[in-house]
Amino acid sequence: SENQILKSALVIFLNLVVNFREHLKVEIGIFLKDVFMKTLDSFNSKFNVKFYLLQVLTALIEEKSIIIEFFLNYDCDAGGEDLCQQTIELLVRTAQGKFTKNVYSGLINASEELELRKEASQGIISLIQGLQNFEQAEIKNNNYEQQDGEAVLSKRRVIEDAIKKFNIGNKKATKELIELEIIENDSAEALCNFLKNNKRVEQTIIGEIFGRDDKFSQDVLKLFLQSMDFSNQDLASSLRFFLSLFEMPGEGQKVERILETFSSRYVECNPGNLSNDSTYMLSFLLMMAQTSIHNPKVLEKMTLQQFLSIGGNIKENGKTIETSFLEKLFREVELRPLAIHSSERRKQEIQKVIDLSNNEKQELFKQESEKVTLALSSQSMLQSKKYNFISSSNILPLFFKTIWSSLLSFLSTSVVECNDLVLLSRLAETTVSTILLCDKFDMNTERDSFVNLLIQFSGLELGKGKLLDDKNRRFIKEIIS
């Protein structure tokens, strides 16, 4: 059956990681990011798929030191990603309950949601217990791991801060990114490459840069468009693709500048069809139709006749443009919008998922799986880097400093909502474990946050006459111990 195949595949994956991970650094990273995270976050994957994936993550966490190795190999790798941190944050979100939303309806019911939360909680509890056991084990000290990892994480945080500043238009951010060697130099070509290749850049700031009225910004826009080939493509499709890469600014003059540059590039790729002026005016007309037809705030929508009337004023070599050509452009925009603001697009995507039937969601999941398969095959030839094993416990403080806020969030929510007395006892013990780890690593402020949590759930600060319940008594027991 499908379930048996899925279980067998995951058992194979688990055995490969446990026994051969030193040879599979790149492949494991791809699987965590493109299979586990995407499937667990997907609106369309079924309960059993999510549950089995969570079981594998829990099993990996329970394997001595593997999760810490992942932190060392991916999060502390200068060329890597925060895969370990993202995995733990995903477990925390799952444990807090994320599948009760409407977008998951039809695939995951209330009892299944509870099972997913319990499995994710088990993984996090095992993680904290494993850290405590690992820290107490006698391992020969070797300081290189923490020092190297700390330097990488520190630089990564500086880079993240600089990109955040860049995204809100901070003028000093570009200089910072050049100093950090994220942008190669101060040329228009270097900034263009950064905008194209760095996924953390917000589409709104790209649009703002493209719309600026200075030579440097316009050079960036021209270089951006030079990397695109619109040969033998119709105008609406070309414009749609271009607009999918950034957020068009709201000011009319900025829109005009962007469309003028786009039109020049389109004509360059398709000589002899339309002039620059005709292409620009048609592009602007398409944007007008787009706004009128697809903006819910516009009550009186543009009709085909209105579109043809305006388009009829555009001359090409002294002749009016054919009505059939104009009608085709209008129908294309009417059926498929050229561009939608990111926030509105997100709302539409969520509503679309809510409206889907169970079978439609499963069909979409098949399509998502096929995309993942293509992504895996396209990256399968990447040469795997060296995989580092843990040779000391010195990496633990850095690891714990990175994840402690996620653990605090997990405990805060889980204890409040938990009615399972066995799980409550484990959560109380886990809270104490986090306090001891913070104390061991001289994280005094963080330790006090967990101490306050312990006291809060003990009920010892309740007013006179308040009764203590089973939850309070379990936390009082931990304070006494």
Protein backbone atom coordinates (compact mmCIF):
# COMPACT_ATOMS: atom_id res chain seq x y z
CA SER A 1 0.00 0.00 0.00
CA GLU A 2 0.96 3.66 -0.26
CA ASN A 3 1.50 3.81 3.51
CA GLN A 4 3.84 0.81 3.47
CA ILE A 5 5.90 2.30 0.65
CA LEU A 6 6.11 5.62 2.52
CA LYS A 7 7.17 3.92 5.76
CA SER A 8 9.79 1.80 3.97
CA ALA A 9 11.20 4.84 2.15
CA LEU A 10 11.50 6.78 5.41
CA VAL A 11 13.15 3.84 7.19
CA ILE A 12 15.72 3.71 4.36
CA PHE A 13 16.30 7.46 4.71
CA LEU A 14 16.70 7.15 8.49
CA ASN A 15 19.21 4.30 8.14
CA LEU A 16 21.20 6.22 5.54
CA VAL A 17 21.43 9.24 7.84
CA VAL A 18 22.36 7.21 10.93
CA ASN A 19 24.98 5.05 9.20
CA PHE A 20 26.29 6.98 6.19
CA ARG A 21 25.76 10.68 6.93
CA GLU A 22 29.45 11.50 6.57
CA HIS A 23 29.05 10.89 2.81
CA LEU A 24 25.65 12.56 2.39
CA LYS A 25 25.95 16.11 3.73
CA VAL A 26 24.45 17.84 0.66
CA GLU A 27 21.75 15.20 0.14
CA ILE A 28 20.57 15.29 3.77
CA GLY A 29 20.36 19.08 3.63
CA ILE A 30 18.25 18.93 0.46
CA PHE A 31 15.91 16.32 1.99
CA LEU A 32 15.40 18.33 5.20
CA LYS A 33 14.62 21.52 3.29
CA ASP A 34 12.78 20.30 0.18
CA VAL A 35 11.00 17.19 1.48
CA PHE A 36 10.50 17.40 5.25
CA MET A 37 9.89 21.12 5.72
CA LYS A 38 7.84 21.65 2.56
CA THR A 39 5.68 18.58 3.17
CA LEU A 40 5.05 19.39 6.84
CA ASP A 41 4.12 22.97 5.90
CA SER A 42 2.01 21.96 2.89
CA PHE A 43 -1.73 22.62 3.02
CA ASN A 44 -2.26 19.52 0.86
CA SER A 45 -0.35 16.66 2.53
CA LYS A 46 -2.36 14.14 4.54
CA PHE A 47 -2.13 13.34 8.26
CA ASN A 48 -0.24 10.07 7.84
CA VAL A 49 2.45 11.70 5.67
CA LYS A 50 3.02 14.48 8.22
CA PHE A 51 2.94 12.03 11.13
CA TYR A 52 5.54 9.67 9.63
CA LEU A 53 7.83 12.60 8.82
CA LEU A 54 7.55 13.84 12.42
CA GLN A 55 8.40 10.34 13.67
CA VAL A 56 11.59 10.35 11.57
CA LEU A 57 12.59 13.77 12.94
CA THR A 58 11.97 12.54 16.48
CA ALA A 59 14.03 9.40 15.79
CA LEU A 60 16.91 11.55 14.47
CA ILE A 61 16.75 13.77 17.56
CA GLU A 62 16.86 10.70 19.82
CA GLU A 63 20.01 9.45 18.05
CA LYS A 64 22.92 10.66 20.17
CA SER A 65 24.45 13.93 18.88
CA ILE A 66 22.98 13.84 15.33
CA ILE A 67 20.85 16.98 15.73
CA ILE A 68 23.88 18.83 17.16
CA GLU A 69 25.94 17.58 14.23
CA PHE A 70 23.32 19.04 11.88
CA PHE A 71 23.70 22.39 13.64
CA LEU A 72 27.48 22.20 13.21
CA ASN A 73 27.32 21.12 9.56
CA TYR A 74 24.53 23.36 8.26
CA ASP A 75 23.86 26.31 10.60
CA CYS A 76 27.56 26.86 11.39
CA ASP A 77 28.69 26.37 7.78
CA ALA A 78 29.54 29.69 6.11
CA GLY A 79 27.86 28.53 2.89
CA GLY A 80 24.96 26.71 4.56
CA GLU A 81 21.51 27.54 5.85
CA ASP A 82 19.89 27.53 9.31
CA LEU A 83 18.42 24.08 8.65
CA CYS A 84 18.67 22.83 12.21
CA GLN A 85 17.13 25.97 13.67
CA GLN A 86 14.36 25.96 11.05
CA THR A 87 13.61 22.29 11.80
CA ILE A 88 13.27 22.98 15.53
CA GLU A 89 11.07 26.03 14.87
CA LEU A 90 8.85 23.88 12.63
CA LEU A 91 8.53 21.29 15.42
CA VAL A 92 7.59 24.06 17.88
CA ARG A 93 4.91 25.45 15.53
CA THR A 94 3.51 21.95 15.07
CA ALA A 95 3.51 21.29 18.82
CA GLN A 96 1.66 24.56 19.40
CA GLY A 97 -1.06 23.55 16.94
CA LYS A 98 -1.00 24.81 13.37
CA PHE A 99 -3.28 22.36 11.58
CA THR A 100 -6.60 23.54 13.04
CA LYS A 101 -6.80 26.38 10.50
CA ASN A 102 -9.37 26.27 7.71
CA VAL A 103 -6.71 25.66 5.06
CA TYR A 104 -6.10 22.16 6.48
CA SER A 105 -9.79 21.22 6.72
CA GLY A 106 -10.77 17.96 5.06
CA LEU A 107 -7.34 16.39 5.50
CA ILE A 108 -6.61 16.73 9.24
CA ASN A 109 -9.25 16.43 11.97
CA ALA A 110 -9.07 17.41 15.64
CA SER A 111 -7.84 14.03 16.94
CA GLU A 112 -5.16 13.86 14.22
CA GLU A 113 -4.08 17.39 15.10
CA LEU A 114 -3.62 16.24 18.70
CA GLU A 115 -1.47 13.29 17.54
CA LEU A 116 0.74 15.60 15.49
CA ARG A 117 1.15 17.96 18.43
CA LYS A 118 2.10 15.09 20.76
CA GLU A 119 4.68 13.71 18.31
CA ALA A 120 6.26 17.14 17.79
CA SER A 121 6.30 17.70 21.58
CA GLN A 122 8.00 14.32 22.03
CA GLY A 123 10.72 15.43 19.62
CA ILE A 124 11.39 18.71 21.47
CA ILE A 125 11.39 17.04 24.90
CA SER A 126 13.83 14.41 23.60
CA LEU A 127 16.01 17.21 22.22
CA ILE A 128 16.33 18.94 25.59
CA GLN A 129 16.95 15.68 27.46
CA GLY A 130 19.54 14.70 24.87
CA LEU A 131 21.35 18.02 25.28
CA GLN A 132 21.51 17.54 29.03
CA ASN A 133 22.81 13.97 28.70
CA PHE A 134 25.32 14.98 26.04
CA GLU A 135 26.59 17.88 28.14
CA GLN A 136 27.11 15.60 31.13
CA ALA A 137 29.03 13.00 29.11
CA GLU A 138 32.80 13.09 29.39
CA ILE A 139 34.23 14.11 26.02
CA LYS A 140 37.71 15.38 25.30
CA ASN A 141 37.58 19.15 24.94
CA ASN A 142 38.28 20.75 21.61
CA ASN A 143 37.42 24.43 21.27
CA TYR A 144 37.51 24.82 17.49
CA GLU A 145 33.85 23.89 16.94
CA GLN A 146 32.32 26.61 19.09
CA GLN A 147 34.78 29.29 17.98
CA ASP A 148 34.30 28.58 14.26
CA GLY A 149 30.53 28.20 14.57
CA GLU A 150 30.16 31.36 16.60
CA ALA A 151 32.07 33.37 14.00
CA VAL A 152 29.87 32.04 11.19
CA LEU A 153 26.59 32.63 13.06
CA SER A 154 27.72 36.08 14.17
CA LYS A 155 28.52 37.09 10.58
CA ARG A 156 25.26 35.57 9.34
CA ARG A 157 23.26 37.65 11.84
CA VAL A 158 25.12 40.80 10.75
CA ILE A 159 24.26 39.96 7.13
CA GLU A 160 20.59 39.35 8.03
CA ASP A 161 20.44 42.72 9.82
CA ALA A 162 22.01 44.48 6.82
CA ILE A 163 19.51 42.87 4.42
CA LYS A 164 16.62 43.88 6.70
CA LYS A 165 17.89 47.48 6.59
CA PHE A 166 18.22 47.23 2.79
CA ASN A 167 14.62 46.00 2.54
CA ILE A 168 13.28 49.11 4.29
CA GLY A 169 15.35 51.45 2.10
CA ASN A 170 18.18 52.27 4.52
CA LYS A 171 20.80 54.04 2.37
CA LYS A 172 23.74 52.79 4.45
CA ALA A 173 22.71 49.14 4.03
CA THR A 174 24.20 48.82 0.52
CA LYS A 175 27.60 49.94 1.80
CA GLU A 176 27.37 47.44 4.69
CA LEU A 177 26.53 44.60 2.28
CA ILE A 178 29.52 45.52 0.10
CA GLU A 179 31.80 45.47 3.16
CA LEU A 180 30.34 42.04 4.06
CA GLU A 181 31.07 40.91 0.47
CA ILE A 182 27.39 40.07 -0.14
CA ILE A 183 27.29 42.70 -2.89
CA GLU A 184 30.49 42.41 -4.94
CA ASN A 185 31.19 46.15 -5.33
CA ASP A 186 29.43 49.49 -5.79
CA SER A 187 28.65 48.99 -9.49
CA ALA A 188 25.16 48.79 -11.00
CA GLU A 189 25.98 45.28 -12.26
CA ALA A 190 26.84 44.06 -8.74
CA LEU A 191 23.59 45.46 -7.29
CA CYS A 192 21.62 43.93 -10.17
CA ASN A 193 23.12 40.49 -9.45
CA PHE A 194 22.27 40.88 -5.77
CA LEU A 195 18.63 41.75 -6.55
CA LYS A 196 18.31 38.79 -8.93
CA ASN A 197 20.01 36.14 -6.84
CA ASN A 198 19.30 36.91 -3.17
CA LYS A 199 15.90 35.50 -2.19
CA ARG A 200 15.83 37.50 1.04
CA VAL A 201 15.44 40.80 -0.84
CA GLU A 202 11.85 42.04 -0.66
CA GLN A 203 10.06 42.57 -3.98
CA THR A 204 8.83 45.99 -2.83
CA ILE A 205 12.36 47.43 -2.50
CA ILE A 206 13.30 46.06 -5.94
CA GLY A 207 10.37 47.99 -7.41
CA GLU A 208 11.38 51.13 -5.54
CA ILE A 209 14.93 50.92 -6.91
CA PHE A 210 13.66 50.34 -10.47
CA GLY A 211 11.39 53.38 -10.22
CA ARG A 212 13.99 55.87 -8.98
CA ASP A 213 14.86 58.79 -11.25
CA ASP A 214 18.66 58.55 -11.18
CA LYS A 215 21.13 57.11 -13.68
CA PHE A 216 22.48 54.42 -11.34
CA SER A 217 19.04 52.96 -10.55
CA GLN A 218 18.02 53.06 -14.21
CA ASP A 219 21.27 51.28 -15.13
CA VAL A 220 20.38 48.55 -12.59
CA LEU A 221 16.93 48.17 -14.20
CA LYS A 222 18.42 47.99 -17.71
CA LEU A 223 20.92 45.32 -16.65
CA PHE A 224 18.12 43.40 -14.91
CA LEU A 225 16.10 43.39 -18.14
CA GLN A 226 19.15 42.52 -20.25
CA SER A 227 19.24 39.13 -18.51
CA MET A 228 15.75 38.35 -19.92
CA ASP A 229 14.97 37.14 -23.41
CA PHE A 230 11.46 38.04 -24.65
CA SER A 231 12.08 36.82 -28.20
CA ASN A 232 8.97 35.42 -29.93
CA GLN A 233 6.86 35.97 -26.80
CA ASP A 234 3.65 37.99 -26.76
CA LEU A 235 3.60 41.30 -24.93
CA ALA A 236 1.21 40.31 -22.12
CA SER A 237 3.16 37.13 -21.22
CA SER A 238 6.47 39.00 -21.25
CA LEU A 239 5.10 41.80 -19.07
CA ARG A 240 3.55 39.27 -16.69
CA PHE A 241 6.85 37.44 -16.23
CA PHE A 242 8.74 40.71 -15.68
CA LEU A 243 6.23 41.95 -13.09
CA SER A 244 6.37 38.63 -11.21
CA LEU A 245 9.95 39.43 -10.13
CA PHE A 246 9.20 42.58 -8.13
CA GLU A 247 6.40 44.74 -6.66
CA MET A 248 5.41 47.64 -8.89
CA PRO A 249 5.59 50.95 -6.92
CA GLY A 250 2.44 53.03 -6.53
CA GLU A 251 3.60 56.35 -7.99
CA GLY A 252 2.65 56.97 -11.61
CA GLN A 253 6.02 58.46 -12.63
CA LYS A 254 7.88 55.41 -11.30
CA VAL A 255 5.54 53.07 -13.16
CA GLU A 256 6.15 55.05 -16.37
CA ARG A 257 9.93 54.81 -16.02
CA ILE A 258 9.81 51.05 -15.44
CA LEU A 259 7.45 50.43 -18.37
CA GLU A 260 9.55 52.60 -20.71
CA THR A 261 12.66 50.53 -19.96
CA PHE A 262 10.73 47.27 -20.26
CA SER A 263 9.29 48.36 -23.63
CA SER A 264 12.75 49.16 -25.00
CA ARG A 265 13.98 45.69 -24.05
CA TYR A 266 10.90 43.97 -25.47
CA VAL A 267 11.35 45.75 -28.83
CA GLU A 268 15.06 44.90 -28.78
CA CYS A 269 14.13 41.21 -28.48
CA ASN A 270 11.36 41.47 -31.11
CA PRO A 271 12.57 43.94 -33.80
CA GLY A 272 10.18 44.88 -36.58
CA ASN A 273 6.95 44.14 -34.67
CA LEU A 274 6.12 47.29 -32.71
CA SER A 275 7.91 50.57 -32.02
CA ASN A 276 9.12 51.60 -28.55
CA ASP A 277 6.29 54.14 -28.22
CA SER A 278 3.55 51.70 -29.25
CA THR A 279 4.90 48.99 -26.94
CA TYR A 280 5.09 51.45 -24.04
CA MET A 281 1.52 52.73 -24.58
CA LEU A 282 0.17 49.17 -24.89
CA SER A 283 2.04 48.14 -21.73
CA PHE A 284 0.58 51.09 -19.87
CA LEU A 285 -2.90 50.25 -21.20
CA LEU A 286 -2.48 46.66 -20.03
CA MET A 287 -1.56 47.92 -16.53
CA MET A 288 -4.67 50.14 -16.53
CA ALA A 289 -6.83 47.15 -17.50
CA GLN A 290 -5.11 45.01 -14.86
CA THR A 291 -5.86 47.51 -12.09
CA SER A 292 -9.45 48.03 -13.18
CA ILE A 293 -10.34 44.35 -13.65
CA HIS A 294 -8.51 42.72 -10.75
CA ASN A 295 -8.47 45.36 -8.01
CA PRO A 296 -11.51 44.64 -5.76
CA LYS A 297 -11.63 48.32 -4.71
CA VAL A 298 -12.43 49.39 -8.29
CA LEU A 299 -16.22 49.08 -8.64
CA GLU A 300 -16.64 50.02 -12.32
CA LYS A 301 -14.53 47.54 -14.27
CA MET A 302 -13.01 48.38 -17.65
CA THR A 303 -14.95 46.77 -20.50
CA LEU A 304 -13.57 45.38 -23.73
CA GLN A 305 -15.10 48.28 -25.65
CA GLN A 306 -13.38 50.84 -23.42
CA PHE A 307 -10.09 49.00 -23.87
CA LEU A 308 -10.52 48.93 -27.67
CA SER A 309 -11.48 52.60 -27.69
CA ILE A 310 -8.30 53.66 -25.87
CA GLY A 311 -6.12 51.18 -27.79
CA GLY A 312 -7.54 52.48 -31.08
CA ASN A 313 -5.76 55.79 -30.47
CA ILE A 314 -2.34 54.09 -30.53
CA LYS A 315 -0.75 54.41 -33.97
CA GLU A 316 1.93 52.17 -35.47
CA ASN A 317 3.49 53.65 -38.64
CA GLY A 318 0.47 55.90 -38.96
CA LYS A 319 -2.00 53.00 -38.80
CA THR A 320 -4.26 51.91 -35.97
CA ILE A 321 -3.49 48.60 -34.29
CA GLU A 322 -5.72 45.71 -35.32
CA THR A 323 -8.81 45.19 -33.16
CA SER A 324 -8.21 41.42 -32.99
CA PHE A 325 -4.73 42.01 -31.54
CA LEU A 326 -6.09 44.41 -28.90
CA GLU A 327 -8.91 42.04 -27.99
CA LYS A 328 -6.43 39.19 -27.50
CA LEU A 329 -4.39 41.37 -25.10
CA PHE A 330 -7.51 42.29 -23.13
CA ARG A 331 -8.68 38.67 -22.84
CA GLU A 332 -5.23 37.61 -21.59
CA VAL A 333 -5.30 40.17 -18.77
CA GLU A 334 -8.94 39.42 -18.03
CA LEU A 335 -8.21 35.70 -17.58
CA ARG A 336 -4.84 36.02 -15.83
CA PRO A 337 -3.78 39.13 -13.91
CA LEU A 338 -0.39 40.59 -14.80
CA ALA A 339 0.58 41.23 -11.19
CA ILE A 340 -1.07 41.12 -7.79
CA HIS A 341 0.25 42.73 -4.63
CA SER A 342 1.95 40.09 -2.45
CA SER A 343 -0.44 40.51 0.50
CA GLU A 344 -3.49 40.22 -1.78
CA ARG A 345 -1.92 37.23 -3.56
CA ARG A 346 -1.42 35.48 -0.22
CA LYS A 347 -5.08 36.03 0.72
CA GLN A 348 -6.23 34.64 -2.62
CA GLU A 349 -3.98 31.57 -2.32
CA ILE A 350 -5.31 30.79 1.17
CA GLN A 351 -8.92 31.24 0.08
CA LYS A 352 -8.29 29.00 -2.94
CA VAL A 353 -6.96 26.24 -0.67
CA ILE A 354 -9.95 26.58 1.68
CA ASP A 355 -12.32 26.14 -1.26
CA LEU A 356 -10.61 22.98 -2.55
CA SER A 357 -12.11 19.54 -2.04
CA ASN A 358 -10.19 16.70 -0.37
CA ASN A 359 -9.46 15.08 -3.76
CA GLU A 360 -8.30 18.39 -5.25
CA LYS A 361 -5.92 18.90 -2.32
CA GLN A 362 -4.47 15.42 -2.80
CA GLU A 363 -4.02 16.10 -6.52
CA LEU A 364 -2.18 19.33 -5.66
CA PHE A 365 0.04 17.39 -3.24
CA LYS A 366 0.99 15.04 -6.10
CA GLN A 367 1.99 18.08 -8.14
CA GLU A 368 4.02 19.47 -5.22
CA SER A 369 5.75 16.08 -4.87
CA GLU A 370 6.65 16.07 -8.55
CA LYS A 371 8.24 19.52 -8.20
CA VAL A 372 10.23 18.27 -5.21
CA THR A 373 11.41 15.26 -7.26
CA LEU A 374 12.60 17.58 -10.02
CA ALA A 375 14.38 19.78 -7.46
CA LEU A 376 16.10 16.74 -5.95
CA SER A 377 17.23 15.37 -9.31
CA SER A 378 18.57 18.75 -10.42
CA GLN A 379 20.71 18.98 -7.29
CA SER A 380 21.76 15.33 -7.06
CA MET A 381 25.04 15.95 -8.88
CA LEU A 382 26.24 18.52 -6.34
CA GLN A 383 29.49 17.44 -4.76
CA SER A 384 29.04 16.73 -1.07
CA LYS A 385 31.15 18.76 1.32
CA LYS A 386 33.00 17.36 4.30
CA TYR A 387 30.71 16.26 7.12
CA ASN A 388 32.00 17.11 10.61
CA PHE A 389 31.35 14.88 13.60
CA ILE A 390 31.09 16.24 17.14
CA SER A 391 34.38 15.89 18.98
CA SER A 392 33.51 17.91 22.08
CA SER A 393 30.62 19.41 24.02
CA ASN A 394 31.86 22.95 23.34
CA ILE A 395 29.35 23.46 20.53
CA LEU A 396 26.43 23.03 22.96
CA PRO A 397 26.34 26.57 24.43
CA LEU A 398 26.19 28.07 20.94
CA PHE A 399 23.49 25.60 19.91
CA PHE A 400 21.43 26.30 23.02
CA LYS A 401 21.78 30.09 22.63
CA THR A 402 20.38 29.73 19.12
CA ILE A 403 17.27 27.71 20.06
CA TRP A 404 16.41 28.77 23.63
CA SER A 405 13.69 31.29 22.61
CA SER A 406 11.93 28.61 20.53
CA LEU A 407 12.03 26.27 23.53
CA LEU A 408 10.58 28.96 25.79
CA SER A 409 7.75 29.54 23.31
CA PHE A 410 7.09 25.78 23.15
CA LEU A 411 6.90 25.33 26.93
CA SER A 412 4.79 28.45 27.46
CA THR A 413 2.09 27.29 25.06
CA SER A 414 2.24 23.54 25.64
CA VAL A 415 1.87 23.65 29.42
CA VAL A 416 -1.13 26.00 29.28
CA GLU A 417 -3.00 23.81 26.78
CA CYS A 418 -1.94 20.36 28.04
CA ASN A 419 -4.45 18.16 29.89
CA ASP A 420 -2.44 14.93 29.61
CA LEU A 421 -0.97 14.38 33.10
CA VAL A 422 1.87 12.14 31.87
CA LEU A 423 2.90 14.71 29.26
CA LEU A 424 2.55 17.48 31.87
CA SER A 425 5.06 15.71 34.11
CA ARG A 426 7.50 15.48 31.20
CA LEU A 427 6.99 19.17 30.39
CA ALA A 428 7.69 20.09 34.02
CA GLU A 429 10.89 18.01 34.00
CA THR A 430 11.89 19.57 30.68
CA THR A 431 11.44 23.08 32.10
CA VAL A 432 13.90 22.19 34.89
CA SER A 433 16.33 20.76 32.33
CA THR A 434 16.33 24.04 30.40
CA ILE A 435 17.05 25.94 33.64
CA LEU A 436 20.01 23.69 34.42
CA LEU A 437 21.37 24.03 30.88
CA CYS A 438 21.09 27.83 30.98
CA ASP A 439 22.86 27.85 34.33
CA LYS A 440 25.62 25.60 33.01
CA PHE A 441 26.18 27.86 29.99
CA ASP A 442 26.10 31.13 32.05
CA MET A 443 22.94 32.29 30.28
CA ASN A 444 21.53 34.07 33.32
CA THR A 445 18.85 36.19 31.65
CA GLU A 446 17.55 33.21 29.68
CA ARG A 447 17.67 31.03 32.82
CA ASP A 448 15.49 33.55 34.70
CA SER A 449 12.88 33.38 31.92
CA PHE A 450 12.54 29.61 32.42
CA VAL A 451 12.57 30.01 36.24
CA ASN A 452 9.69 32.50 35.97
CA LEU A 453 7.84 29.99 33.79
CA LEU A 454 8.36 27.27 36.40
CA ILE A 455 7.03 29.50 39.18
CA GLN A 456 4.09 30.69 37.07
CA PHE A 457 2.89 27.15 36.39
CA SER A 458 3.44 26.05 39.99
CA GLY A 459 0.67 28.42 41.11
CA LEU A 460 2.72 29.44 44.18
CA GLU A 461 2.07 33.08 43.43
CA LEU A 462 -1.70 32.65 43.26
CA GLY A 463 -3.71 34.82 45.64
CA LYS A 464 -5.11 33.64 48.94
CA GLY A 465 -7.98 31.18 48.65
CA LYS A 466 -6.98 29.93 45.14
CA LEU A 467 -6.93 26.15 44.76
CA LEU A 468 -3.94 24.33 43.26
CA ASP A 469 -4.68 21.77 40.54
CA ASP A 470 -2.75 18.72 39.25
CA LYS A 471 -0.78 20.92 36.86
CA ASN A 472 0.38 23.19 39.73
CA ARG A 473 1.35 20.24 41.91
CA ARG A 474 3.57 18.73 39.21
CA PHE A 475 5.51 21.98 38.89
CA ILE A 476 5.76 22.41 42.66
CA LYS A 477 7.30 18.92 42.77
CA GLU A 478 9.94 19.99 40.25
CA ILE A 479 10.76 23.15 42.25
CA ILE A 480 11.24 21.10 45.41
CA SER A 481 13.41 18.54 43.62
